[in-house]
Amino acid sequence: ALAGQLGADVVGMTLCPEVWLAAELGVAYASLCLVTNFATGLWHLDPRRDFGAGVARRALPVLLAAAVELGARTAFMPASA
């Protein structure tokens, strides 16, 4: 509820503390996320909204391309970068 009052459309459940731990270890870190459901109490916003398999089917090519690009960018990245 507070996130909505602050203007947020999406609230994630990842990146913390992973991003800080990765930085401490000098590990490159990226997050690729999909919206998979409405938050509690927000299901009424658009009951026709496509989640699950439909989202995964459309997102798979984008996620694979991003993974390839990130791999190419970080393959030779020094640990201190």
Protein backbone atom coordinates (compact mmCIF):
# COMPACT_ATOMS: atom_id res chain seq x y z
CA ALA A 1 0.00 0.00 0.00
CA LEU A 2 2.79 2.43 0.88
CA ALA A 3 4.63 1.74 -2.38
CA GLY A 4 1.45 2.54 -4.32
CA GLN A 5 0.97 5.77 -2.40
CA LEU A 6 4.52 6.71 -3.36
CA GLY A 7 3.69 6.12 -7.03
CA ALA A 8 5.24 2.67 -7.56
CA ASP A 9 3.72 0.41 -10.20
CA VAL A 10 5.93 -2.61 -9.52
CA VAL A 11 7.69 -3.78 -6.38
CA GLY A 12 10.43 -6.38 -6.69
CA MET A 13 11.58 -9.02 -4.27
CA THR A 14 15.20 -9.30 -5.35
CA LEU A 15 18.43 -7.30 -5.53
CA CYS A 16 18.85 -6.85 -1.78
CA PRO A 17 21.13 -8.01 -0.28
CA GLU A 18 22.46 -9.79 -3.39
CA VAL A 19 23.70 -6.64 -5.10
CA TRP A 20 25.73 -5.54 -2.07
CA LEU A 21 27.16 -9.00 -1.49
CA ALA A 22 28.16 -9.29 -5.15
CA ALA A 23 29.85 -5.88 -4.99
CA GLU A 24 31.80 -6.90 -1.89
CA LEU A 25 33.08 -9.95 -3.76
CA GLY A 26 33.82 -8.01 -6.95
CA VAL A 27 31.27 -10.07 -8.87
CA ALA A 28 29.37 -8.55 -11.79
CA TYR A 29 25.65 -8.72 -11.03
CA ALA A 30 22.57 -8.14 -13.14
CA SER A 31 18.91 -8.80 -12.50
CA LEU A 32 16.38 -9.77 -15.15
CA CYS A 33 12.88 -9.81 -13.69
CA LEU A 34 9.36 -10.56 -14.87
CA VAL A 35 6.14 -9.28 -13.35
CA THR A 36 4.22 -12.46 -12.52
CA ASN A 37 1.26 -11.34 -10.43
CA PHE A 38 -0.55 -8.43 -8.84
CA ALA A 39 0.27 -7.49 -5.28
CA THR A 40 -2.21 -8.37 -2.56
CA GLY A 41 -5.31 -6.24 -2.91
CA LEU A 42 -4.55 -5.10 -6.47
CA TRP A 43 -5.98 -8.03 -8.45
CA HIS A 44 -9.02 -5.92 -9.39
CA LEU A 45 -6.98 -3.47 -11.47
CA ASP A 46 -7.19 -5.54 -14.67
CA PRO A 47 -8.41 -9.12 -14.27
CA ARG A 48 -7.59 -9.78 -17.95
CA ARG A 49 -3.91 -9.11 -17.33
CA ASP A 50 -1.74 -11.89 -18.74
CA PHE A 51 0.65 -13.44 -16.26
CA GLY A 52 2.45 -16.74 -16.09
CA ALA A 53 2.94 -18.72 -19.31
CA GLY A 54 1.94 -15.83 -21.58
CA VAL A 55 4.51 -13.51 -20.02
CA ALA A 56 7.19 -16.20 -20.06
CA ARG A 57 6.56 -17.01 -23.73
CA ARG A 58 6.95 -13.37 -24.80
CA ALA A 59 9.84 -12.64 -22.45
CA LEU A 60 12.02 -15.66 -23.25
CA PRO A 61 13.64 -14.21 -26.41
CA VAL A 62 14.33 -10.93 -24.59
CA LEU A 63 15.83 -12.69 -21.57
CA LEU A 64 18.02 -14.94 -23.73
CA ALA A 65 19.31 -11.98 -25.74
CA ALA A 66 20.05 -10.06 -22.52
CA ALA A 67 21.90 -13.04 -21.07
CA VAL A 68 24.05 -13.35 -24.19
CA GLU A 69 24.81 -9.61 -24.17
CA LEU A 70 25.64 -9.57 -20.46
CA GLY A 71 27.86 -12.61 -20.91
CA ALA A 72 29.74 -10.93 -23.75
CA ARG A 73 30.21 -7.75 -21.73
CA THR A 74 31.45 -9.48 -18.59
CA ALA A 75 33.39 -12.44 -20.00
CA PHE A 76 36.72 -10.65 -19.62
CA MET A 77 35.82 -8.23 -16.84
CA PRO A 78 38.45 -8.13 -14.09
CA ALA A 79 37.18 -9.11 -10.64
CA SER A 80 37.74 -5.56 -9.36
CA ALA A 81 35.50 -3.95 -12.01
